[in-house]
N, C-alpha and C. Protein backbone atom coordinates (compact mmCIF):
# COMPACT_ATOMS: atom_id res chain seq x y z
N MET A 1 25.99 -0.41 2.30
CA MET A 1 25.75 -1.89 0.56
C MET A 1 24.06 -1.93 0.80
N THR A 2 24.08 -2.00 -0.61
CA THR A 2 22.38 -2.39 -1.25
C THR A 2 22.81 -4.00 -1.34
N PHE A 3 21.92 -4.97 -0.86
CA PHE A 3 21.66 -5.93 -0.89
C PHE A 3 20.47 -6.33 -2.22
N VAL A 4 21.11 -7.31 -3.16
CA VAL A 4 20.18 -7.29 -4.02
C VAL A 4 19.21 -8.74 -4.35
N GLY A 5 18.79 -9.51 -3.79
CA GLY A 5 18.68 -11.15 -4.69
C GLY A 5 17.79 -11.39 -5.22
N ILE A 6 18.49 -12.21 -5.90
CA ILE A 6 17.89 -12.16 -7.95
C ILE A 6 17.61 -14.22 -7.89
N ILE A 7 17.06 -14.46 -7.71
CA ILE A 7 16.42 -15.60 -8.22
C ILE A 7 16.51 -15.60 -9.86
N SER A 8 17.31 -16.83 -10.77
CA SER A 8 17.05 -17.15 -11.93
C SER A 8 17.95 -17.99 -12.56
N ASP A 9 18.98 -18.26 -13.06
CA ASP A 9 19.63 -18.76 -14.21
C ASP A 9 20.70 -18.65 -13.88
N ASN A 10 21.81 -19.20 -13.40
CA ASN A 10 23.21 -18.92 -13.47
C ASN A 10 23.68 -17.41 -14.95
N LYS A 11 23.11 -17.83 -15.98
CA LYS A 11 23.81 -17.41 -17.09
C LYS A 11 22.74 -16.13 -17.39
N SER A 12 21.71 -16.29 -16.29
CA SER A 12 20.76 -15.05 -16.01
C SER A 12 21.56 -13.62 -15.27
N PHE A 13 22.11 -14.95 -14.21
CA PHE A 13 22.50 -13.93 -12.81
C PHE A 13 23.44 -13.11 -13.60
N GLN A 14 24.76 -13.95 -14.54
CA GLN A 14 26.10 -12.77 -14.68
C GLN A 14 25.18 -11.68 -15.24
N VAL A 15 24.55 -12.08 -16.01
CA VAL A 15 24.66 -10.75 -16.97
C VAL A 15 23.88 -9.70 -16.15
N LEU A 16 22.96 -10.04 -15.33
CA LEU A 16 22.20 -9.01 -15.01
C LEU A 16 24.28 -8.36 -13.27
N LYS A 17 24.65 -9.50 -13.12
CA LYS A 17 25.67 -9.06 -12.50
C LYS A 17 26.46 -7.93 -13.01
N GLU A 18 26.98 -8.21 -14.04
CA GLU A 18 27.94 -7.85 -15.52
C GLU A 18 27.39 -5.81 -15.46
N ASN A 19 25.83 -5.72 -15.38
CA ASN A 19 24.99 -4.63 -16.15
C ASN A 19 24.06 -3.83 -14.56
N ILE A 20 24.40 -4.15 -13.84
CA ILE A 20 24.11 -3.42 -12.67
C ILE A 20 24.69 -3.77 -11.25
N GLY A 21 25.41 -4.91 -11.38
CA GLY A 21 26.35 -4.36 -9.95
C GLY A 21 27.56 -4.25 -9.86
N THR A 22 27.52 -3.06 -8.63
CA THR A 22 28.44 -1.89 -7.92
C THR A 22 29.12 -2.14 -6.73
N GLN A 23 30.38 -1.54 -6.52
CA GLN A 23 30.66 -1.26 -5.37
C GLN A 23 29.80 -1.52 -4.15
N ASP A 24 28.79 -0.16 -4.23
CA ASP A 24 27.55 -0.07 -4.16
C ASP A 24 26.36 -1.43 -3.73
N ILE A 25 26.20 -2.03 -4.90
CA ILE A 25 25.10 -3.02 -5.19
C ILE A 25 25.90 -3.73 -4.84
N ASN A 26 25.45 -5.14 -4.14
CA ASN A 26 26.13 -6.61 -4.03
C ASN A 26 24.38 -7.64 -4.69
N LEU A 27 24.70 -7.77 -5.28
CA LEU A 27 23.50 -9.06 -6.26
C LEU A 27 23.86 -10.48 -6.15
N ILE A 28 23.41 -11.05 -4.94
CA ILE A 28 23.21 -12.25 -4.72
C ILE A 28 22.29 -13.29 -5.10
N GLN A 29 22.89 -14.23 -5.94
CA GLN A 29 22.04 -14.89 -6.06
C GLN A 29 21.04 -16.33 -5.48
N ILE A 30 19.82 -16.51 -5.47
CA ILE A 30 18.95 -17.44 -4.37
C ILE A 30 18.93 -18.37 -5.07
N ASN A 31 19.35 -19.85 -4.30
CA ASN A 31 18.72 -20.69 -4.84
C ASN A 31 18.69 -21.61 -3.96
N ASN A 32 18.29 -23.11 -4.33
CA ASN A 32 17.98 -24.24 -3.22
C ASN A 32 19.71 -24.61 -1.79
N LYS A 33 20.41 -24.22 -2.80
CA LYS A 33 21.99 -24.07 -2.32
C LYS A 33 21.91 -22.71 -1.03
N SER A 34 21.59 -21.81 -1.51
CA SER A 34 22.24 -21.05 -1.25
C SER A 34 20.67 -20.41 0.02
N ILE A 35 19.73 -20.84 -0.04
CA ILE A 35 18.00 -20.10 0.31
C ILE A 35 18.20 -20.56 1.59
N ASP A 36 19.15 -21.15 2.37
CA ASP A 36 18.89 -21.53 4.17
C ASP A 36 20.47 -20.36 5.14
N ASN A 37 20.75 -19.98 3.86
CA ASN A 37 22.23 -19.11 4.60
C ASN A 37 21.33 -17.79 4.20
N ILE A 38 21.15 -17.64 3.80
CA ILE A 38 20.91 -15.68 3.25
C ILE A 38 19.22 -15.36 3.70
N LYS A 39 18.89 -16.42 4.75
CA LYS A 39 17.60 -16.27 4.91
C LYS A 39 17.45 -15.23 5.85
N ASN A 40 18.54 -14.44 6.68
CA ASN A 40 18.38 -12.96 7.43
C ASN A 40 18.50 -11.81 6.99
N ILE A 41 19.35 -12.37 6.18
CA ILE A 41 19.43 -10.81 4.71
C ILE A 41 18.51 -9.81 4.65
N LYS A 42 18.50 -8.62 5.12
CA LYS A 42 17.31 -7.92 4.59
C LYS A 42 17.76 -7.17 2.93
N PHE A 43 16.74 -7.10 2.17
CA PHE A 43 17.64 -6.81 0.86
C PHE A 43 16.57 -6.29 0.00
N GLU A 44 17.34 -4.75 -0.38
CA GLU A 44 16.47 -3.66 -1.03
C GLU A 44 15.32 -4.31 -2.31
N MET A 45 15.36 -5.39 -3.11
CA MET A 45 15.47 -5.54 -3.97
C MET A 45 15.24 -7.29 -4.06
N ILE A 46 14.45 -7.79 -4.87
CA ILE A 46 13.99 -9.03 -4.97
C ILE A 46 14.06 -9.07 -6.20
N ILE A 47 14.28 -9.77 -6.67
CA ILE A 47 13.83 -10.19 -8.47
C ILE A 47 14.18 -11.71 -8.85
N ILE A 48 12.92 -11.79 -9.55
CA ILE A 48 12.62 -12.96 -9.62
C ILE A 48 12.23 -13.84 -10.69
N ASN A 49 13.29 -13.79 -12.20
CA ASN A 49 13.47 -14.48 -13.49
C ASN A 49 13.22 -15.62 -13.47
N LYS A 50 12.44 -16.47 -12.28
CA LYS A 50 13.21 -17.53 -12.99
C LYS A 50 11.39 -18.65 -12.70
N GLU A 51 10.41 -19.37 -12.81
CA GLU A 51 9.86 -20.38 -12.09
C GLU A 51 10.46 -20.51 -11.11
N LEU A 52 9.19 -20.40 -9.77
CA LEU A 52 9.19 -20.63 -8.23
C LEU A 52 8.92 -21.96 -7.50
N LYS A 53 8.61 -22.98 -8.78
CA LYS A 53 8.22 -24.00 -8.43
C LYS A 53 9.90 -25.23 -7.72
N SER A 54 10.83 -24.79 -8.38
CA SER A 54 11.61 -25.10 -8.36
C SER A 54 12.20 -24.80 -5.74
N LEU A 55 12.02 -23.39 -5.93
CA LEU A 55 11.32 -23.54 -4.49
C LEU A 55 10.64 -23.52 -3.70
N GLU A 56 9.72 -24.54 -4.41
CA GLU A 56 8.47 -24.56 -3.41
C GLU A 56 8.58 -24.61 -1.99
N GLU A 57 8.82 -25.77 -1.87
CA GLU A 57 9.57 -26.01 -0.38
C GLU A 57 10.11 -25.02 0.48
N LYS A 58 10.97 -23.88 0.23
CA LYS A 58 11.21 -22.63 0.81
C LYS A 58 10.07 -21.71 0.37
N LYS A 59 8.97 -21.99 0.52
CA LYS A 59 9.28 -21.26 0.12
C LYS A 59 7.90 -19.60 1.36
N LEU A 60 8.24 -20.41 2.92
CA LEU A 60 7.86 -19.98 3.53
C LEU A 60 9.17 -18.60 3.77
N ILE A 61 10.02 -19.38 3.61
CA ILE A 61 11.95 -18.21 3.51
C ILE A 61 11.58 -16.99 2.61
N ILE A 62 11.11 -17.25 1.30
CA ILE A 62 11.03 -16.62 0.36
C ILE A 62 9.83 -15.52 0.62
N ASP A 63 9.12 -15.84 0.53
CA ASP A 63 7.88 -15.41 1.59
C ASP A 63 8.32 -14.36 2.81
N THR A 64 8.98 -14.54 3.35
CA THR A 64 9.64 -13.53 4.64
C THR A 64 11.27 -12.30 3.88
N LEU A 65 11.73 -12.73 2.86
CA LEU A 65 12.84 -12.50 2.38
C LEU A 65 12.10 -10.94 1.94
N CYS A 66 10.87 -11.69 1.04
CA CYS A 66 10.49 -10.56 -0.19
C CYS A 66 9.21 -9.95 0.80
N MET A 67 8.95 -10.39 2.01
CA MET A 67 8.15 -9.47 2.74
C MET A 67 9.08 -8.12 3.48
N ASN A 68 10.22 -8.77 3.69
CA ASN A 68 11.35 -7.62 4.85
C ASN A 68 11.90 -6.55 3.15
N SER A 69 11.64 -7.11 1.89
CA SER A 69 12.35 -6.10 0.99
C SER A 69 11.94 -5.03 0.59
N LYS A 70 12.28 -3.79 -0.35
CA LYS A 70 11.23 -3.22 -0.95
C LYS A 70 10.60 -3.36 -1.92
N TYR A 71 11.48 -3.70 -2.71
CA TYR A 71 10.51 -4.28 -3.78
C TYR A 71 10.92 -5.81 -4.19
N ILE A 72 9.98 -6.12 -5.27
CA ILE A 72 9.26 -6.80 -5.54
C ILE A 72 9.40 -7.67 -7.17
N LEU A 73 10.96 -8.16 -7.59
CA LEU A 73 10.55 -8.18 -9.22
C LEU A 73 9.94 -9.11 -9.73
N LEU A 74 9.32 -10.13 -10.71
CA LEU A 74 8.76 -10.67 -10.84
C LEU A 74 8.13 -10.27 -11.62
N ASN A 75 9.05 -12.10 -12.31
CA ASN A 75 8.50 -12.75 -14.11
C ASN A 75 6.78 -13.25 -13.63
N THR A 76 6.21 -12.17 -14.78
CA THR A 76 5.14 -13.23 -14.28
C THR A 76 5.33 -13.80 -15.71
N ASP A 77 5.55 -13.97 -16.97
CA ASP A 77 5.44 -15.43 -17.45
C ASP A 77 6.26 -16.63 -17.27
N LEU A 78 6.69 -16.41 -16.10
CA LEU A 78 7.30 -17.88 -15.61
C LEU A 78 6.54 -17.94 -14.45
N ASN A 79 5.66 -16.80 -13.79
CA ASN A 79 5.36 -16.99 -12.43
C ASN A 79 3.85 -16.61 -12.07
N LYS A 80 2.60 -17.38 -12.84
CA LYS A 80 1.53 -17.43 -12.88
C LYS A 80 1.18 -17.67 -11.46
N GLU A 81 1.32 -18.78 -11.28
CA GLU A 81 0.04 -19.72 -10.18
C GLU A 81 0.98 -18.97 -8.98
N PHE A 82 2.55 -18.33 -7.93
CA PHE A 82 3.03 -18.36 -7.50
C PHE A 82 2.31 -16.96 -6.64
N ASN A 83 1.27 -17.93 -5.57
CA ASN A 83 1.37 -16.66 -4.29
C ASN A 83 1.73 -16.21 -3.40
N PHE A 84 1.99 -15.53 -3.00
CA PHE A 84 2.85 -13.99 -2.21
C PHE A 84 1.85 -13.49 -0.38
N GLY A 85 2.41 -13.53 0.06
CA GLY A 85 1.60 -12.80 1.51
C GLY A 85 0.85 -11.32 1.11
N GLN A 86 -0.06 -11.05 1.61
CA GLN A 86 -0.38 -10.37 0.89
C GLN A 86 0.29 -7.95 1.65
N LYS A 87 1.16 -9.09 2.06
CA LYS A 87 2.03 -7.87 2.45
C LYS A 87 3.32 -7.61 1.39
N CYS A 88 3.33 -8.50 0.58
CA CYS A 88 4.01 -8.59 -0.25
C CYS A 88 3.38 -8.06 -2.07
N LYS A 89 2.28 -8.26 -1.63
CA LYS A 89 1.43 -8.26 -2.76
C LYS A 89 2.01 -6.39 -3.56
N GLU A 90 1.81 -5.22 -2.13
CA GLU A 90 1.97 -4.00 -2.43
C GLU A 90 3.38 -3.73 -3.82
N LYS A 91 4.46 -4.71 -3.05
CA LYS A 91 5.73 -4.10 -3.36
C LYS A 91 5.84 -4.72 -4.56
N ILE A 92 4.82 -5.46 -5.83
CA ILE A 92 5.90 -5.93 -5.95
C ILE A 92 5.18 -5.19 -7.00
N ILE A 93 6.53 -5.15 -8.54
CA ILE A 93 6.50 -4.90 -9.36
C ILE A 93 7.07 -6.30 -10.99
N THR A 94 5.38 -6.41 -11.50
CA THR A 94 5.90 -7.04 -12.30
C THR A 94 6.15 -7.09 -13.72
N PHE A 95 6.88 -7.97 -14.29
CA PHE A 95 7.60 -7.93 -16.25
C PHE A 95 7.64 -8.59 -16.44
N GLY A 96 7.06 -8.55 -18.37
CA GLY A 96 6.77 -10.08 -18.96
C GLY A 96 6.60 -9.07 -20.49
N LEU A 97 5.81 -9.98 -21.20
CA LEU A 97 6.02 -10.00 -22.00
C LEU A 97 4.39 -10.11 -22.33
N ASN A 98 3.69 -10.50 -21.11
CA ASN A 98 2.82 -10.42 -21.27
C ASN A 98 1.34 -8.72 -20.83
N HIS A 99 0.53 -8.66 -21.54
CA HIS A 99 -0.10 -7.66 -21.33
C HIS A 99 -0.58 -6.70 -19.76
N LYS A 100 -0.19 -7.55 -18.65
CA LYS A 100 -1.30 -7.03 -17.14
C LYS A 100 0.09 -7.30 -17.03
N ALA A 101 1.63 -6.61 -17.23
CA ALA A 101 2.88 -7.05 -16.68
C ALA A 101 3.50 -5.39 -16.05
N THR A 102 3.77 -4.77 -15.11
CA THR A 102 3.75 -3.68 -15.04
C THR A 102 4.98 -3.00 -15.46
N VAL A 103 5.63 -4.16 -16.26
CA VAL A 103 6.62 -3.63 -17.52
C VAL A 103 6.50 -4.52 -18.25
N THR A 104 6.16 -3.71 -19.55
CA THR A 104 6.98 -4.88 -20.47
C THR A 104 6.81 -4.28 -21.73
N VAL A 105 6.52 -4.82 -23.01
CA VAL A 105 7.79 -4.22 -24.04
C VAL A 105 5.95 -3.99 -24.90
N SER A 106 6.26 -2.42 -25.75
CA SER A 106 4.96 -2.55 -26.32
C SER A 106 5.47 -3.29 -28.00
N SER A 107 6.95 -2.86 -28.35
CA SER A 107 7.76 -3.36 -29.66
C SER A 107 9.19 -3.95 -29.75
N ILE A 108 9.34 -4.75 -30.28
CA ILE A 108 10.74 -4.82 -30.28
C ILE A 108 11.06 -5.20 -31.56
N THR A 109 12.47 -4.74 -32.57
CA THR A 109 13.02 -4.47 -33.24
C THR A 109 14.52 -4.95 -33.50
N GLU A 110 15.32 -5.12 -34.28
CA GLU A 110 16.80 -5.66 -34.19
C GLU A 110 17.81 -4.73 -33.45
N SER A 111 17.19 -4.08 -33.72
CA SER A 111 18.31 -2.43 -32.83
C SER A 111 17.82 -1.68 -31.94
N SER A 112 16.65 -2.36 -30.82
CA SER A 112 16.16 -0.89 -30.22
C SER A 112 14.70 -1.88 -29.60
N ILE A 113 14.41 -1.94 -28.31
CA ILE A 113 13.47 -2.64 -27.70
C ILE A 113 11.68 -0.61 -26.97
N LEU A 114 10.85 -0.74 -27.99
CA LEU A 114 10.54 -0.20 -26.57
C LEU A 114 9.43 -0.84 -25.37
N VAL A 115 10.27 -0.46 -24.12
CA VAL A 115 10.18 -0.93 -23.07
C VAL A 115 8.36 0.28 -22.69
N TYR A 116 7.88 -0.87 -22.51
CA TYR A 116 6.33 0.14 -21.89
C TYR A 116 5.87 0.37 -19.69
N LEU A 117 5.64 0.52 -18.76
CA LEU A 117 5.39 0.73 -17.85
C LEU A 117 4.00 1.45 -17.59
N GLN A 118 3.12 0.62 -17.60
CA GLN A 118 2.00 0.54 -17.98
C GLN A 118 1.06 0.96 -16.11
N ARG A 119 1.71 1.65 -15.07
CA ARG A 119 1.33 1.36 -13.98
C ARG A 119 2.18 2.66 -13.84
N ASN A 120 1.75 3.77 -12.24
CA ASN A 120 2.74 4.17 -11.97
C ASN A 120 3.97 3.63 -10.69
N VAL A 121 4.57 3.77 -10.26
CA VAL A 121 5.84 3.33 -8.93
C VAL A 121 6.82 4.45 -8.73
N LYS A 122 6.81 4.54 -7.16
CA LYS A 122 8.04 5.03 -6.64
C LYS A 122 8.75 4.23 -7.34
N ASP A 123 10.26 5.23 -6.87
CA ASP A 123 11.23 4.63 -7.44
C ASP A 123 12.57 5.20 -5.50
N LYS A 124 13.53 4.78 -5.32
CA LYS A 124 13.77 4.64 -3.73
C LYS A 124 13.76 5.92 -2.68
N ASN A 125 13.29 6.75 -4.23
CA ASN A 125 13.33 8.07 -3.26
C ASN A 125 12.33 8.79 -2.64
N ASP A 126 10.80 8.16 -3.27
CA ASP A 126 9.67 7.64 -3.25
C ASP A 126 8.98 8.28 -4.04
N LYS A 127 10.35 9.28 -5.55
CA LYS A 127 9.72 10.02 -6.76
C LYS A 127 8.62 9.34 -7.32
N LEU A 128 7.45 9.62 -7.76
CA LEU A 128 6.06 9.47 -8.97
C LEU A 128 7.40 9.33 -10.32
N ILE A 129 7.15 7.77 -11.01
CA ILE A 129 7.60 7.70 -12.00
C ILE A 129 6.16 6.96 -12.73
N GLU A 130 6.39 8.05 -13.99
CA GLU A 130 4.75 7.86 -14.96
C GLU A 130 4.54 7.27 -15.29
N VAL A 131 3.15 6.37 -15.53
CA VAL A 131 3.92 5.57 -17.16
C VAL A 131 3.97 6.09 -18.59
N GLY A 132 4.92 5.30 -19.13
CA GLY A 132 5.14 6.02 -20.46
C GLY A 132 5.83 4.55 -20.89
N GLU A 133 6.35 5.52 -22.46
CA GLU A 133 7.71 4.67 -23.05
C GLU A 133 9.13 4.91 -23.22
N LYS A 134 9.89 3.64 -23.42
CA LYS A 134 10.80 4.61 -23.36
C LYS A 134 11.50 3.36 -24.51
N GLN A 135 12.62 3.81 -25.08
CA GLN A 135 13.20 3.25 -26.53
C GLN A 135 14.40 2.91 -25.70
N VAL A 136 15.56 1.11 -25.60
CA VAL A 136 16.37 1.01 -25.30
C VAL A 136 16.80 0.06 -27.25
N LYS A 137 18.15 1.05 -26.80
CA LYS A 137 18.57 0.14 -27.74
C LYS A 137 20.06 -1.02 -27.69
N ILE A 138 20.10 -1.58 -28.31
CA ILE A 138 20.29 -3.18 -28.16
C ILE A 138 21.73 -3.23 -29.12
N ASN A 139 22.70 -3.77 -28.28
CA ASN A 139 23.91 -4.06 -28.65
C ASN A 139 24.12 -4.93 -30.03
N LYS A 140 23.49 -5.50 -31.03
CA LYS A 140 23.99 -6.65 -31.53
C LYS A 140 24.57 -8.00 -31.43
N ASP A 141 25.90 -7.44 -30.97
CA ASP A 141 26.46 -8.78 -30.80
C ASP A 141 26.38 -9.08 -29.28
N ASN A 142 25.93 -8.60 -28.38
CA ASN A 142 25.29 -8.61 -27.38
C ASN A 142 24.27 -9.66 -27.61
N LYS A 143 24.25 -10.71 -26.69
CA LYS A 143 23.05 -11.83 -26.52
C LYS A 143 22.42 -11.65 -25.28
N ILE A 144 22.04 -10.56 -24.92
CA ILE A 144 21.20 -10.56 -23.44
C ILE A 144 19.55 -10.88 -23.37
N LYS A 145 18.86 -11.19 -22.57
CA LYS A 145 17.17 -11.55 -23.44
C LYS A 145 16.73 -10.21 -23.09
N VAL A 146 15.17 -11.12 -23.71
CA VAL A 146 14.31 -9.23 -22.97
C VAL A 146 13.73 -9.45 -21.98
N TYR A 147 13.85 -10.47 -21.17
CA TYR A 147 13.47 -10.50 -19.00
C TYR A 147 14.56 -9.47 -18.32
N GLU A 148 16.18 -9.72 -19.28
CA GLU A 148 17.11 -9.16 -18.52
C GLU A 148 17.33 -7.58 -18.58
N ILE A 149 17.14 -7.16 -20.02
CA ILE A 149 16.88 -5.56 -20.50
C ILE A 149 15.30 -4.79 -19.33
N LEU A 150 14.24 -6.04 -18.96
CA LEU A 150 13.50 -5.98 -18.50
C LEU A 150 13.56 -6.07 -17.19
N ILE A 151 14.88 -6.35 -16.31
CA ILE A 151 15.20 -6.14 -15.45
C ILE A 151 15.72 -5.16 -14.85
N ILE A 152 16.17 -5.38 -16.19
CA ILE A 152 17.61 -3.81 -15.28
C ILE A 152 17.58 -2.40 -16.05
N TYR A 153 15.82 -2.23 -16.73
CA TYR A 153 15.45 -1.12 -16.77
C TYR A 153 14.98 -1.07 -15.63
N ILE A 154 14.18 -2.04 -14.89
CA ILE A 154 13.23 -1.36 -13.72
C ILE A 154 14.32 -1.25 -12.16
N PHE A 155 15.45 -1.63 -13.06
CA PHE A 155 16.92 -1.34 -11.79
C PHE A 155 16.75 -0.43 -11.73
N LEU A 156 17.21 0.22 -12.90
CA LEU A 156 17.77 2.06 -13.58
C LEU A 156 16.52 2.45 -12.81
N ILE A 157 15.07 2.51 -12.93
CA ILE A 157 13.54 3.45 -12.93
C ILE A 157 13.89 4.12 -11.38
N LEU A 158 13.67 2.44 -10.48
CA LEU A 158 14.25 2.32 -9.33
C LEU A 158 14.66 3.32 -8.73
N ASN A 159 16.46 3.22 -9.26
CA ASN A 159 17.53 3.67 -8.28
C ASN A 159 17.53 4.54 -9.20
N ASN A 160 16.25 6.13 -9.51
CA ASN A 160 16.76 7.24 -9.96
C ASN A 160 18.29 7.53 -10.95
N GLU A 161 18.48 6.52 -12.12
CA GLU A 161 19.37 6.47 -12.88
C GLU A 161 18.89 6.62 -14.64
N PRO A 162 20.26 7.19 -14.94
CA PRO A 162 19.65 7.55 -17.02
C PRO A 162 19.49 5.22 -17.07
N ILE A 163 18.42 6.15 -17.99
CA ILE A 163 18.41 4.30 -18.84
C ILE A 163 18.85 5.00 -19.89
N ILE A 164 20.71 4.57 -20.19
CA ILE A 164 21.79 3.75 -21.19
C ILE A 164 21.83 2.72 -20.73
N LEU A 165 21.55 1.57 -21.13
CA LEU A 165 22.53 0.02 -20.89
C LEU A 165 23.31 -0.44 -21.43
N LYS A 166 23.48 -0.52 -21.02
CA LYS A 166 25.23 -1.69 -22.19
C LYS A 166 25.01 -2.92 -22.13
N THR A 167 23.81 -3.20 -23.00
CA THR A 167 23.67 -3.53 -23.65
C THR A 167 23.99 -3.46 -25.28
């Protein structure tokens, strides 16, 4: 079983759970209440889609969780100043609407988003995923946010799964 730790608000966590949670992938929400109980879990991936200032006093635990994970997905629109240990930096895949993010958005329309991978990354099988753009169709009835689409996109490419979102 694969464990994925998610630091986000409840609504975002539920959207991610519906879109990437399976029997083989156990999504665990990390917050002030749960962090002390899960500090010994080895996560394959830590997803940070919330400002970390609210968890500043738990920075050591977050650093340890991140250091022991294979990937760290970091929303850099929300976390510009949070510093990780040196061992964590090489595992970080940033996402956001800023031009420095590893995964960002080239354009947004009512029916699709053009997602742009700006640097090569390796999937969980160490296969190189090269720089490029991918159009992701959006279901107009769904209230999914751009950040959640970026997270789902990154999750799918890292797991070598087709980019067909349920959005």
